[in-house]
Amino acid sequence: MAQEDIYKRLSRHLSKLAMGYPPTDDLVEILRENYTPLEAEVATEVCLKFDEIARYVIDRNLGRKISRQEALEIIRQSEQAGLVHFVDNAAGQVKHNCNCCGCACWNVGSIRRRKIPRDVIMATYFIRETDEEQCTGCGECVDVCPVDAISMDGDFPKVDQDWCIGCGVCAASCPTGAVKIRLRPDRSPELPGGDFETLHETILAEKGLKGQLEGKNLEIE
Protein backbone atom coordinates (compact mmCIF):
# COMPACT_ATOMS: atom_id res chain seq x y z
CA MET A 1 0.00 0.00 0.00
CA ALA A 2 1.34 3.43 -0.95
CA GLN A 3 2.45 5.73 1.87
CA GLU A 4 -0.08 8.40 0.89
CA ASP A 5 -2.93 5.84 0.96
CA ILE A 6 -1.96 4.91 4.52
CA TYR A 7 -2.13 8.56 5.58
CA LYS A 8 -5.48 9.03 3.89
CA ARG A 9 -6.86 6.13 5.92
CA LEU A 10 -5.30 7.52 9.10
CA SER A 11 -6.59 11.05 8.54
CA ARG A 12 -10.21 9.86 8.51
CA HIS A 13 -9.89 8.99 12.20
CA LEU A 14 -8.41 12.32 13.33
CA SER A 15 -10.49 15.04 14.95
CA LYS A 16 -7.98 17.90 14.63
CA LEU A 17 -4.67 18.43 12.86
CA ALA A 18 -1.91 20.98 13.43
CA MET A 19 1.48 21.78 12.01
CA GLY A 20 4.11 22.90 14.48
CA TYR A 21 5.71 26.25 13.71
CA PRO A 22 9.11 26.25 11.95
CA PRO A 23 12.30 25.76 14.00
CA THR A 24 14.68 28.48 15.13
CA ASP A 25 16.49 30.74 12.69
CA ASP A 26 19.78 28.93 13.38
CA LEU A 27 18.24 25.59 12.47
CA VAL A 28 16.65 27.00 9.33
CA GLU A 29 20.08 28.29 8.28
CA ILE A 30 21.56 24.80 8.73
CA LEU A 31 18.84 23.39 6.50
CA ARG A 32 19.52 26.02 3.83
CA GLU A 33 23.23 25.19 3.86
CA ASN A 34 22.62 21.47 3.37
CA TYR A 35 19.57 21.31 1.10
CA THR A 36 18.25 22.84 -2.09
CA PRO A 37 15.96 25.87 -1.54
CA LEU A 38 12.85 23.72 -2.13
CA GLU A 39 14.01 20.95 0.23
CA ALA A 40 14.93 23.48 2.92
CA GLU A 41 11.50 25.12 2.67
CA VAL A 42 9.77 21.74 2.97
CA ALA A 43 11.95 20.73 5.93
CA THR A 44 10.80 23.69 8.04
CA GLU A 45 7.14 22.63 8.06
CA VAL A 46 7.21 18.93 8.83
CA CYS A 47 5.95 18.38 12.37
CA LEU A 48 2.31 17.24 12.41
CA LYS A 49 0.22 16.86 15.57
CA PHE A 50 -3.15 15.16 15.86
CA ASP A 51 -6.23 15.30 18.12
CA GLU A 52 -5.55 16.56 21.68
CA ILE A 53 -1.87 17.19 20.94
CA ALA A 54 -2.96 19.36 18.01
CA ARG A 55 -5.31 21.29 20.30
CA TYR A 56 -2.47 21.77 22.78
CA VAL A 57 -0.07 23.37 20.26
CA ILE A 58 -2.80 25.47 18.64
CA ASP A 59 -4.06 26.82 21.98
CA ARG A 60 -0.51 27.80 22.99
CA ASN A 61 0.39 29.33 19.62
CA LEU A 62 3.01 26.64 19.02
CA GLY A 63 1.43 25.62 15.73
CA ARG A 64 -1.41 26.33 13.34
CA LYS A 65 -4.50 24.39 12.41
CA ILE A 66 -4.33 22.62 9.06
CA SER A 67 -6.76 20.61 6.95
CA ARG A 68 -6.48 16.93 6.10
CA GLN A 69 -5.56 17.92 2.55
CA GLU A 70 -2.75 20.18 3.81
CA ALA A 71 -1.44 17.34 5.98
CA LEU A 72 -1.39 14.95 3.03
CA GLU A 73 0.42 17.55 0.92
CA ILE A 74 3.06 17.97 3.65
CA ILE A 75 3.53 14.19 3.66
CA ARG A 76 3.84 14.12 -0.14
CA GLN A 77 6.37 16.96 -0.25
CA SER A 78 8.34 15.44 2.63
CA GLU A 79 8.65 12.15 0.78
CA GLN A 80 9.78 13.93 -2.39
CA ALA A 81 12.43 15.76 -0.34
CA GLY A 82 13.75 12.47 1.05
CA LEU A 83 12.64 13.02 4.64
CA VAL A 84 12.03 10.17 7.08
CA HIS A 85 8.44 9.62 8.24
CA PHE A 86 8.11 9.08 12.01
CA VAL A 87 4.98 8.30 14.02
CA ASP A 88 4.38 7.14 17.59
CA ASN A 89 5.50 3.54 18.13
CA ALA A 90 1.99 2.51 19.14
CA ALA A 91 -0.72 0.30 17.71
CA GLY A 92 -3.34 3.03 17.88
CA GLN A 93 -4.05 6.65 18.76
CA VAL A 94 -1.11 8.08 16.82
CA LYS A 95 -0.62 11.70 17.92
CA HIS A 96 2.54 12.78 16.09
CA ASN A 97 4.04 12.56 12.64
CA CYS A 98 7.40 14.18 12.16
CA ASN A 99 9.22 14.09 8.83
CA CYS A 100 12.91 14.31 9.54
CA CYS A 101 16.17 15.01 7.73
CA GLY A 102 19.62 13.67 8.52
CA CYS A 103 20.96 17.17 8.99
CA ALA A 104 18.92 18.79 11.76
CA CYS A 105 16.91 15.95 13.33
CA TRP A 106 18.09 15.07 16.84
CA ASN A 107 17.90 11.30 16.27
CA VAL A 108 18.37 10.81 12.51
CA GLY A 109 21.18 13.38 12.56
CA SER A 110 22.89 11.69 15.51
CA ILE A 111 22.86 8.39 13.62
CA ARG A 112 24.08 10.02 10.41
CA ARG A 113 27.02 11.55 12.29
CA ARG A 114 27.63 8.23 14.14
CA LYS A 115 27.33 9.96 17.51
CA ILE A 116 24.96 7.41 19.09
CA PRO A 117 24.45 3.76 18.03
CA ARG A 118 21.23 3.29 16.09
CA ASP A 119 19.59 0.84 18.47
CA VAL A 120 20.34 3.04 21.48
CA ILE A 121 18.45 6.04 20.14
CA MET A 122 15.84 4.56 17.77
CA ALA A 123 13.41 1.63 17.75
CA THR A 124 14.19 0.24 14.30
CA TYR A 125 12.01 -2.63 13.13
CA PHE A 126 12.90 -2.77 9.44
CA ILE A 127 16.02 -3.12 7.33
CA ARG A 128 16.81 -2.67 3.65
CA GLU A 129 17.55 -5.54 1.28
CA THR A 130 18.59 -5.32 -2.38
CA ASP A 131 17.38 -7.51 -5.23
CA GLU A 132 20.56 -7.64 -7.30
CA GLU A 133 18.72 -8.97 -10.33
CA GLN A 134 16.64 -5.79 -10.44
CA CYS A 135 19.38 -3.40 -9.31
CA THR A 136 21.14 -1.45 -12.09
CA GLY A 137 23.80 0.03 -9.83
CA CYS A 138 22.68 3.60 -10.52
CA GLY A 139 23.70 4.79 -7.05
CA GLU A 140 20.55 6.84 -6.47
CA CYS A 141 20.02 5.22 -3.08
CA VAL A 142 23.53 6.18 -1.99
CA ASP A 143 22.76 9.84 -2.61
CA VAL A 144 19.41 9.92 -0.78
CA CYS A 145 20.12 7.81 2.32
CA PRO A 146 19.48 10.14 5.29
CA VAL A 147 21.95 8.29 7.54
CA ASP A 148 24.72 7.58 5.01
CA ALA A 149 24.32 3.84 5.48
CA ILE A 150 24.76 2.95 1.79
CA SER A 151 27.90 2.92 -0.34
CA MET A 152 28.76 1.46 -3.72
CA ASP A 153 30.72 -1.81 -3.69
CA GLY A 154 31.63 -2.36 -7.30
CA ASP A 155 28.44 -2.38 -9.34
CA PHE A 156 26.03 -2.77 -6.43
CA PRO A 157 25.08 -0.78 -3.34
CA LYS A 158 26.28 -2.10 0.01
CA VAL A 159 24.15 -1.44 3.09
CA ASP A 160 25.68 -1.04 6.54
CA GLN A 161 23.25 -3.17 8.53
CA ASP A 162 24.39 -1.63 11.82
CA TRP A 163 23.30 1.87 10.78
CA CYS A 164 20.42 1.37 8.31
CA ILE A 165 17.18 2.56 9.93
CA GLY A 166 14.82 0.89 7.45
CA CYS A 167 13.12 4.20 6.71
CA GLY A 168 12.34 3.40 3.06
CA VAL A 169 13.66 6.68 1.62
CA CYS A 170 15.87 4.67 -0.72
CA ALA A 171 12.92 2.45 -1.72
CA ALA A 172 10.87 5.49 -2.71
CA SER A 173 13.67 6.74 -4.99
CA CYS A 174 14.72 3.40 -6.53
CA PRO A 175 13.86 3.51 -10.25
CA THR A 176 13.66 -0.29 -10.68
CA GLY A 177 12.04 -1.45 -7.42
CA ALA A 178 15.19 -3.32 -6.41
CA VAL A 179 15.07 -1.99 -2.85
CA LYS A 180 13.00 -4.06 -0.43
CA ILE A 181 12.21 -3.05 3.14
CA ARG A 182 11.95 -6.12 5.37
CA LEU A 183 11.21 -6.77 9.04
CA ARG A 184 14.47 -7.23 10.93
CA PRO A 185 15.00 -10.91 11.74
CA ASP A 186 15.60 -10.04 15.40
CA ARG A 187 12.35 -8.05 15.70
CA SER A 188 8.76 -9.07 16.33
CA PRO A 189 6.02 -7.47 14.22
CA GLU A 190 4.11 -6.80 17.45
CA LEU A 191 4.34 -3.20 18.63
CA PRO A 192 5.58 -3.01 22.24
CA GLY A 193 3.79 0.18 23.26
CA GLY A 194 0.12 -0.75 22.92
CA ASP A 195 -1.86 2.47 22.62
CA PHE A 196 -0.47 6.01 22.90
CA GLU A 197 -1.03 6.32 26.65
CA THR A 198 0.56 2.95 27.44
CA LEU A 199 3.53 3.78 25.20
CA HIS A 200 4.35 7.00 27.01
CA GLU A 201 3.76 5.53 30.46
CA THR A 202 6.34 2.90 29.53
CA ILE A 203 8.79 5.55 28.32
CA LEU A 204 8.42 7.57 31.53
CA ALA A 205 8.88 4.45 33.65
CA GLU A 206 12.01 3.43 31.73
CA LYS A 207 13.47 6.91 32.27
CA GLY A 208 12.56 6.95 35.94
CA LEU A 209 10.30 9.98 35.47
CA LYS A 210 6.85 8.54 36.05
CA GLY A 211 6.83 9.07 39.81
CA GLN A 212 8.29 12.57 39.48
CA LEU A 213 5.45 13.69 37.20
CA GLU A 214 2.56 12.26 39.19
CA GLY A 215 0.26 14.95 40.52
CA LYS A 216 1.59 17.66 38.21
CA ASN A 217 -0.78 19.50 35.89
CA LEU A 218 0.04 18.02 32.50
CA GLU A 219 -3.50 17.88 31.18
CA ILE A 220 -3.62 18.61 27.46
CA GLU A 221 -7.22 17.84 26.55
C-alpha atoms as a PDB file:
ATOM      1  CA  MET A   1       0.000   0.000   0.000  1.00  0.00           C
ATOM      2  CA  ALA A   2       1.341   3.426  -0.949  1.00  0.00           C
ATOM      3  CA  GLN A   3       2.446   5.730   1.874  1.00  0.00           C
ATOM      4  CA  GLU A   4      -0.084   8.398   0.890  1.00  0.00           C
ATOM      5  CA  ASP A   5      -2.926   5.840   0.956  1.00  0.00           C
ATOM      6  CA  ILE A   6      -1.957   4.913   4.518  1.00  0.00           C
ATOM      7  CA  TYR A   7      -2.127   8.563   5.584  1.00  0.00           C
ATOM      8  CA  LYS A   8      -5.477   9.031   3.888  1.00  0.00           C
ATOM      9  CA  ARG A   9      -6.861   6.133   5.922  1.00  0.00           C
ATOM     10  CA  LEU A  10      -5.303   7.522   9.103  1.00  0.00           C
ATOM     11  CA  SER A  11      -6.594  11.051   8.539  1.00  0.00           C
ATOM     12  CA  ARG A  12     -10.212   9.860   8.507  1.00  0.00           C
ATOM     13  CA  HIS A  13      -9.888   8.986  12.201  1.00  0.00           C
ATOM     14  CA  LEU A  14      -8.410  12.320  13.328  1.00  0.00           C
ATOM     15  CA  SER A  15     -10.495  15.044  14.954  1.00  0.00           C
ATOM     16  CA  LYS A  16      -7.982  17.905  14.627  1.00  0.00           C
ATOM     17  CA  LEU A  17      -4.670  18.428  12.861  1.00  0.00           C
ATOM     18  CA  ALA A  18      -1.913  20.978  13.435  1.00  0.00           C
ATOM     19  CA  MET A  19       1.478  21.778  12.007  1.00  0.00           C
ATOM     20  CA  GLY A  20       4.113  22.904  14.479  1.00  0.00           C
ATOM     21  CA  TYR A  21       5.713  26.247  13.705  1.00  0.00           C
ATOM     22  CA  PRO A  22       9.107  26.254  11.949  1.00  0.00           C
ATOM     23  CA  PRO A  23      12.300  25.757  14.002  1.00  0.00           C
ATOM     24  CA  THR A  24      14.681  28.476  15.129  1.00  0.00           C
ATOM     25  CA  ASP A  25      16.489  30.744  12.691  1.00  0.00           C
ATOM     26  CA  ASP A  26      19.777  28.929  13.381  1.00  0.00           C
ATOM     27  CA  LEU A  27      18.241  25.588  12.466  1.00  0.00           C
ATOM     28  CA  VAL A  28      16.651  26.998   9.330  1.00  0.00           C
ATOM     29  CA  GLU A  29      20.082  28.288   8.285  1.00  0.00           C
ATOM     30  CA  ILE A  30      21.562  24.803   8.735  1.00  0.00           C
ATOM     31  CA  LEU A  31      18.842  23.390   6.503  1.00  0.00           C
ATOM     32  CA  ARG A  32      19.517  26.019   3.834  1.00  0.00           C
ATOM     33  CA  GLU A  33      23.225  25.190   3.864  1.00  0.00           C
ATOM     34  CA  ASN A  34      22.620  21.472   3.375  1.00  0.00           C
ATOM     35  CA  TYR A  35      19.570  21.309   1.104  1.00  0.00           C
ATOM     36  CA  THR A  36      18.254  22.841  -2.095  1.00  0.00           C
ATOM     37  CA  PRO A  37      15.965  25.867  -1.544  1.00  0.00           C
ATOM     38  CA  LEU A  38      12.853  23.716  -2.126  1.00  0.00           C
ATOM     39  CA  GLU A  39      14.008  20.954   0.227  1.00  0.00           C
ATOM     40  CA  ALA A  40      14.931  23.483   2.921  1.00  0.00           C
ATOM     41  CA  GLU A  41      11.502  25.118   2.672  1.00  0.00           C
ATOM     42  CA  VAL A  42       9.775  21.738   2.970  1.00  0.00           C
ATOM     43  CA  ALA A  43      11.953  20.729   5.930  1.00  0.00           C
ATOM     44  CA  THR A  44      10.796  23.694   8.045  1.00  0.00           C
ATOM     45  CA  GLU A  45       7.138  22.626   8.058  1.00  0.00           C
ATOM     46  CA  VAL A  46       7.214  18.934   8.827  1.00  0.00           C
ATOM     47  CA  CYS A  47       5.945  18.377  12.372  1.00  0.00           C
ATOM     48  CA  LEU A  48       2.308  17.237  12.410  1.00  0.00           C
ATOM     49  CA  LYS A  49       0.220  16.865  15.568  1.00  0.00           C
ATOM     50  CA  PHE A  50      -3.150  15.160  15.860  1.00  0.00           C
ATOM     51  CA  ASP A  51      -6.228  15.302  18.119  1.00  0.00           C
ATOM     52  CA  GLU A  52      -5.549  16.562  21.681  1.00  0.00           C
ATOM     53  CA  ILE A  53      -1.867  17.194  20.942  1.00  0.00           C
ATOM     54  CA  ALA A  54      -2.957  19.362  18.011  1.00  0.00           C
ATOM     55  CA  ARG A  55      -5.313  21.285  20.301  1.00  0.00           C
ATOM     56  CA  TYR A  56      -2.469  21.775  22.776  1.00  0.00           C
ATOM     57  CA  VAL A  57      -0.067  23.370  20.262  1.00  0.00           C
ATOM     58  CA  ILE A  58      -2.802  25.473  18.643  1.00  0.00           C
ATOM     59  CA  ASP A  59      -4.055  26.819  21.978  1.00  0.00           C
ATOM     60  CA  ARG A  60      -0.510  27.803  22.992  1.00  0.00           C
ATOM     61  CA  ASN A  61       0.388  29.334  19.618  1.00  0.00           C
ATOM     62  CA  LEU A  62       3.010  26.643  19.020  1.00  0.00           C
ATOM     63  CA  GLY A  63       1.434  25.622  15.731  1.00  0.00           C
ATOM     64  CA  ARG A  64      -1.410  26.326  13.345  1.00  0.00           C
ATOM     65  CA  LYS A  65      -4.504  24.388  12.414  1.00  0.00           C
ATOM     66  CA  ILE A  66      -4.330  22.619   9.063  1.00  0.00           C
ATOM     67  CA  SER A  67      -6.758  20.612   6.946  1.00  0.00           C
ATOM     68  CA  ARG A  68      -6.483  16.934   6.101  1.00  0.00           C
ATOM     69  CA  GLN A  69      -5.558  17.917   2.549  1.00  0.00           C
ATOM     70  CA  GLU A  70      -2.755  20.182   3.811  1.00  0.00           C
ATOM     71  CA  ALA A  71      -1.441  17.343   5.982  1.00  0.00           C
ATOM     72  CA  LEU A  72      -1.392  14.950   3.026  1.00  0.00           C
ATOM     73  CA  GLU A  73       0.419  17.550   0.923  1.00  0.00           C
ATOM     74  CA  ILE A  74       3.058  17.971   3.651  1.00  0.00           C
ATOM     75  CA  ILE A  75       3.535  14.187   3.662  1.00  0.00           C
ATOM     76  CA  ARG A  76       3.844  14.120  -0.143  1.00  0.00           C
ATOM     77  CA  GLN A  77       6.368  16.964  -0.247  1.00  0.00           C
ATOM     78  CA  SER A  78       8.339  15.443   2.633  1.00  0.00           C
ATOM     79  CA  GLU A  79       8.655  12.151   0.782  1.00  0.00           C
ATOM     80  CA  GLN A  80       9.777  13.926  -2.386  1.00  0.00           C
ATOM     81  CA  ALA A  81      12.426  15.759  -0.345  1.00  0.00           C
ATOM     82  CA  GLY A  82      13.746  12.466   1.049  1.00  0.00           C
ATOM     83  CA  LEU A  83      12.639  13.023   4.637  1.00  0.00           C
ATOM     84  CA  VAL A  84      12.027  10.166   7.081  1.00  0.00           C
ATOM     85  CA  HIS A  85       8.437   9.621   8.240  1.00  0.00           C
ATOM     86  CA  PHE A  86       8.106   9.082  12.007  1.00  0.00           C
ATOM     87  CA  VAL A  87       4.982   8.300  14.025  1.00  0.00           C
ATOM     88  CA  ASP A  88       4.383   7.135  17.587  1.00  0.00           C
ATOM     89  CA  ASN A  89       5.499   3.543  18.133  1.00  0.00           C
ATOM     90  CA  ALA A  90       1.991   2.509  19.142  1.00  0.00           C
ATOM     91  CA  ALA A  91      -0.721   0.304  17.707  1.00  0.00           C
ATOM     92  CA  GLY A  92      -3.343   3.027  17.877  1.00  0.00           C
ATOM     93  CA  GLN A  93      -4.046   6.652  18.762  1.00  0.00           C
ATOM     94  CA  VAL A  94      -1.108   8.077  16.818  1.00  0.00           C
ATOM     95  CA  LYS A  95      -0.620  11.699  17.923  1.00  0.00           C
ATOM     96  CA  HIS A  96       2.537  12.777  16.092  1.00  0.00           C
ATOM     97  CA  ASN A  97       4.037  12.559  12.639  1.00  0.00           C
ATOM     98  CA  CYS A  98       7.399  14.183  12.157  1.00  0.00           C
ATOM     99  CA  ASN A  99       9.221  14.095   8.830  1.00  0.00           C
ATOM    100  CA  CYS A 100      12.915  14.306   9.540  1.00  0.00           C
ATOM    101  CA  CYS A 101      16.174  15.009   7.733  1.00  0.00           C
ATOM    102  CA  GLY A 102      19.623  13.666   8.521  1.00  0.00           C
ATOM    103  CA  CYS A 103      20.962  17.168   8.992  1.00  0.00           C
ATOM    104  CA  ALA A 104      18.917  18.788  11.761  1.00  0.00           C
ATOM    105  CA  CYS A 105      16.906  15.945  13.334  1.00  0.00           C
ATOM    106  CA  TRP A 106      18.086  15.071  16.838  1.00  0.00           C
ATOM    107  CA  ASN A 107      17.896  11.296  16.273  1.00  0.00           C
ATOM    108  CA  VAL A 108      18.369  10.807  12.506  1.00  0.00           C
ATOM    109  CA  GLY A 109      21.176  13.382  12.565  1.00  0.00           C
ATOM    110  CA  SER A 110      22.887  11.691  15.509  1.00  0.00           C
ATOM    111  CA  ILE A 111      22.856   8.391  13.621  1.00  0.00           C
ATOM    112  CA  ARG A 112      24.076  10.022  10.409  1.00  0.00           C
ATOM    113  CA  ARG A 113      27.020  11.551  12.290  1.00  0.00           C
ATOM    114  CA  ARG A 114      27.633   8.235  14.135  1.00  0.00           C
ATOM    115  CA  LYS A 115      27.328   9.956  17.507  1.00  0.00           C
ATOM    116  CA  ILE A 116      24.959   7.410  19.090  1.00  0.00           C
ATOM    117  CA  PRO A 117      24.453   3.757  18.034  1.00  0.00           C
ATOM    118  CA  ARG A 118      21.229   3.287  16.094  1.00  0.00           C
ATOM    119  CA  ASP A 119      19.593   0.836  18.475  1.00  0.00           C
ATOM    120  CA  VAL A 120      20.337   3.041  21.478  1.00  0.00           C
ATOM    121  CA  ILE A 121      18.447   6.039  20.136  1.00  0.00           C
ATOM    122  CA  MET A 122      15.844   4.562  17.765  1.00  0.00           C
ATOM    123  CA  ALA A 123      13.411   1.632  17.753  1.00  0.00           C
ATOM    124  CA  THR A 124      14.191   0.240  14.301  1.00  0.00           C
ATOM    125  CA  TYR A 125      12.008  -2.634  13.126  1.00  0.00           C
ATOM    126  CA  PHE A 126      12.901  -2.767   9.443  1.00  0.00           C
ATOM    127  CA  ILE A 127      16.021  -3.124   7.326  1.00  0.00           C
ATOM    128  CA  ARG A 128      16.807  -2.666   3.652  1.00  0.00           C
ATOM    129  CA  GLU A 129      17.553  -5.542   1.284  1.00  0.00           C
ATOM    130  CA  THR A 130      18.587  -5.316  -2.384  1.00  0.00           C
ATOM    131  CA  ASP A 131      17.381  -7.509  -5.228  1.00  0.00           C
ATOM    132  CA  GLU A 132      20.562  -7.641  -7.295  1.00  0.00           C
ATOM    133  CA  GLU A 133      18.724  -8.973 -10.332  1.00  0.00           C
ATOM    134  CA  GLN A 134      16.637  -5.795 -10.436  1.00  0.00           C
ATOM    135  CA  CYS A 135      19.378  -3.396  -9.306  1.00  0.00           C
ATOM    136  CA  THR A 136      21.139  -1.451 -12.094  1.00  0.00           C
ATOM    137  CA  GLY A 137      23.796   0.031  -9.827  1.00  0.00           C
ATOM    138  CA  CYS A 138      22.676   3.601 -10.522  1.00  0.00           C
ATOM    139  CA  GLY A 139      23.701   4.788  -7.050  1.00  0.00           C
ATOM    140  CA  GLU A 140      20.547   6.836  -6.475  1.00  0.00           C
ATOM    141  CA  CYS A 141      20.020   5.223  -3.076  1.00  0.00           C
ATOM    142  CA  VAL A 142      23.531   6.185  -1.986  1.00  0.00           C
ATOM    143  CA  ASP A 143      22.764   9.841  -2.608  1.00  0.00           C
ATOM    144  CA  VAL A 144      19.412   9.922  -0.782  1.00  0.00           C
ATOM    145  CA  CYS A 145      20.121   7.811   2.323  1.00  0.00           C
ATOM    146  CA  PRO A 146      19.483  10.140   5.288  1.00  0.00           C
ATOM    147  CA  VAL A 147      21.946   8.288   7.541  1.00  0.00           C
ATOM    148  CA  ASP A 148      24.719   7.583   5.012  1.00  0.00           C
ATOM    149  CA  ALA A 149      24.317   3.838   5.478  1.00  0.00           C
ATOM    150  CA  ILE A 150      24.761   2.946   1.795  1.00  0.00           C
ATOM    151  CA  SER A 151      27.904   2.917  -0.345  1.00  0.00           C
ATOM    152  CA  MET A 152      28.760   1.461  -3.725  1.00  0.00           C
ATOM    153  CA  ASP A 153      30.721  -1.807  -3.688  1.00  0.00           C
ATOM    154  CA  GLY A 154      31.634  -2.365  -7.301  1.00  0.00           C
ATOM    155  CA  ASP A 155      28.443  -2.382  -9.343  1.00  0.00           C
ATOM    156  CA  PHE A 156      26.033  -2.770  -6.428  1.00  0.00           C
ATOM    157  CA  PRO A 157      25.082  -0.779  -3.340  1.00  0.00           C
ATOM    158  CA  LYS A 158      26.280  -2.096   0.008  1.00  0.00           C
ATOM    159  CA  VAL A 159      24.147  -1.439   3.088  1.00  0.00           C
ATOM    160  CA  ASP A 160      25.676  -1.039   6.545  1.00  0.00           C
ATOM    161  CA  GLN A 161      23.249  -3.168   8.525  1.00  0.00           C
ATOM    162  CA  ASP A 162      24.390  -1.629  11.821  1.00  0.00           C
ATOM    163  CA  TRP A 163      23.295   1.871  10.782  1.00  0.00           C
ATOM    164  CA  CYS A 164      20.416   1.371   8.314  1.00  0.00           C
ATOM    165  CA  ILE A 165      17.177   2.560   9.932  1.00  0.00           C
ATOM    166  CA  GLY A 166      14.823   0.891   7.454  1.00  0.00           C
ATOM    167  CA  CYS A 167      13.117   4.200   6.705  1.00  0.00           C
ATOM    168  CA  GLY A 168      12.336   3.404   3.061  1.00  0.00           C
ATOM    169  CA  VAL A 169      13.658   6.680   1.623  1.00  0.00           C
ATOM    170  CA  CYS A 170      15.874   4.665  -0.720  1.00  0.00           C
ATOM    171  CA  ALA A 171      12.922   2.452  -1.720  1.00  0.00           C
ATOM    172  CA  ALA A 172      10.872   5.489  -2.709  1.00  0.00           C
ATOM    173  CA  SER A 173      13.671   6.738  -4.991  1.00  0.00           C
ATOM    174  CA  CYS A 174      14.716   3.398  -6.527  1.00  0.00           C
ATOM    175  CA  PRO A 175      13.859   3.507 -10.247  1.00  0.00           C
ATOM    176  CA  THR A 176      13.657  -0.287 -10.678  1.00  0.00           C
ATOM    177  CA  GLY A 177      12.040  -1.446  -7.424  1.00  0.00           C
ATOM    178  CA  ALA A 178      15.185  -3.324  -6.411  1.00  0.00           C
ATOM    179  CA  VAL A 179      15.066  -1.986  -2.851  1.00  0.00           C
ATOM    180  CA  LYS A 180      13.001  -4.058  -0.432  1.00  0.00           C
ATOM    181  CA  ILE A 181      12.208  -3.052   3.144  1.00  0.00           C
ATOM    182  CA  ARG A 182      11.947  -6.119   5.374  1.00  0.00           C
ATOM    183  CA  LEU A 183      11.206  -6.768   9.037  1.00  0.00           C
ATOM    184  CA  ARG A 184      14.472  -7.233  10.927  1.00  0.00           C
ATOM    185  CA  PRO A 185      15.002 -10.914  11.742  1.00  0.00           C
ATOM    186  CA  ASP A 186      15.597 -10.042  15.395  1.00  0.00           C
ATOM    187  CA  ARG A 187      12.355  -8.053  15.700  1.00  0.00           C
ATOM    188  CA  SER A 188       8.765  -9.069  16.332  1.00  0.00           C
ATOM    189  CA  PRO A 189       6.018  -7.472  14.220  1.00  0.00           C
ATOM    190  CA  GLU A 190       4.110  -6.803  17.453  1.00  0.00           C
ATOM    191  CA  LEU A 191       4.342  -3.204  18.633  1.00  0.00           C
ATOM    192  CA  PRO A 192       5.577  -3.011  22.237  1.00  0.00           C
ATOM    193  CA  GLY A 193       3.788   0.176  23.259  1.00  0.00           C
ATOM    194  CA  GLY A 194       0.117  -0.754  22.922  1.00  0.00           C
ATOM    195  CA  ASP A 195      -1.863   2.474  22.616  1.00  0.00           C
ATOM    196  CA  PHE A 196      -0.467   6.010  22.900  1.00  0.00           C
ATOM    197  CA  GLU A 197      -1.029   6.318  26.654  1.00  0.00           C
ATOM    198  CA  THR A 198       0.565   2.955  27.438  1.00  0.00           C
ATOM    199  CA  LEU A 199       3.528   3.777  25.205  1.00  0.00           C
ATOM    200  CA  HIS A 200       4.353   6.996  27.014  1.00  0.00           C
ATOM    201  CA  GLU A 201       3.760   5.532  30.459  1.00  0.00           C
ATOM    202  CA  THR A 202       6.337   2.902  29.533  1.00  0.00           C
ATOM    203  CA  ILE A 203       8.786   5.549  28.323  1.00  0.00           C
ATOM    204  CA  LEU A 204       8.420   7.570  31.533  1.00  0.00           C
ATOM    205  CA  ALA A 205       8.880   4.451  33.655  1.00  0.00           C
ATOM    206  CA  GLU A 206      12.013   3.431  31.733  1.00  0.00           C
ATOM    207  CA  LYS A 207      13.470   6.908  32.266  1.00  0.00           C
ATOM    208  CA  GLY A 208      12.561   6.953  35.939  1.00  0.00           C
ATOM    209  CA  LEU A 209      10.304   9.981  35.469  1.00  0.00           C
ATOM    210  CA  LYS A 210       6.850   8.537  36.045  1.00  0.00           C
ATOM    211  CA  GLY A 211       6.835   9.072  39.805  1.00  0.00           C
ATOM    212  CA  GLN A 212       8.287  12.570  39.481  1.00  0.00           C
ATOM    213  CA  LEU A 213       5.446  13.694  37.196  1.00  0.00           C
ATOM    214  CA  GLU A 214       2.564  12.263  39.192  1.00  0.00           C
ATOM    215  CA  GLY A 215       0.257  14.947  40.519  1.00  0.00           C
ATOM    216  CA  LYS A 216       1.587  17.656  38.206  1.00  0.00           C
ATOM    217  CA  ASN A 217      -0.776  19.497  35.891  1.00  0.00           C
ATOM    218  CA  LEU A 218       0.040  18.024  32.497  1.00  0.00           C
ATOM    219  CA  GLU A 219      -3.498  17.880  31.176  1.00  0.00           C
ATOM    220  CA  ILE A 220      -3.622  18.610  27.459  1.00  0.00           C
ATOM    221  CA  GLU A 221      -7.218  17.844  26.546  1.00  0.00           C
END
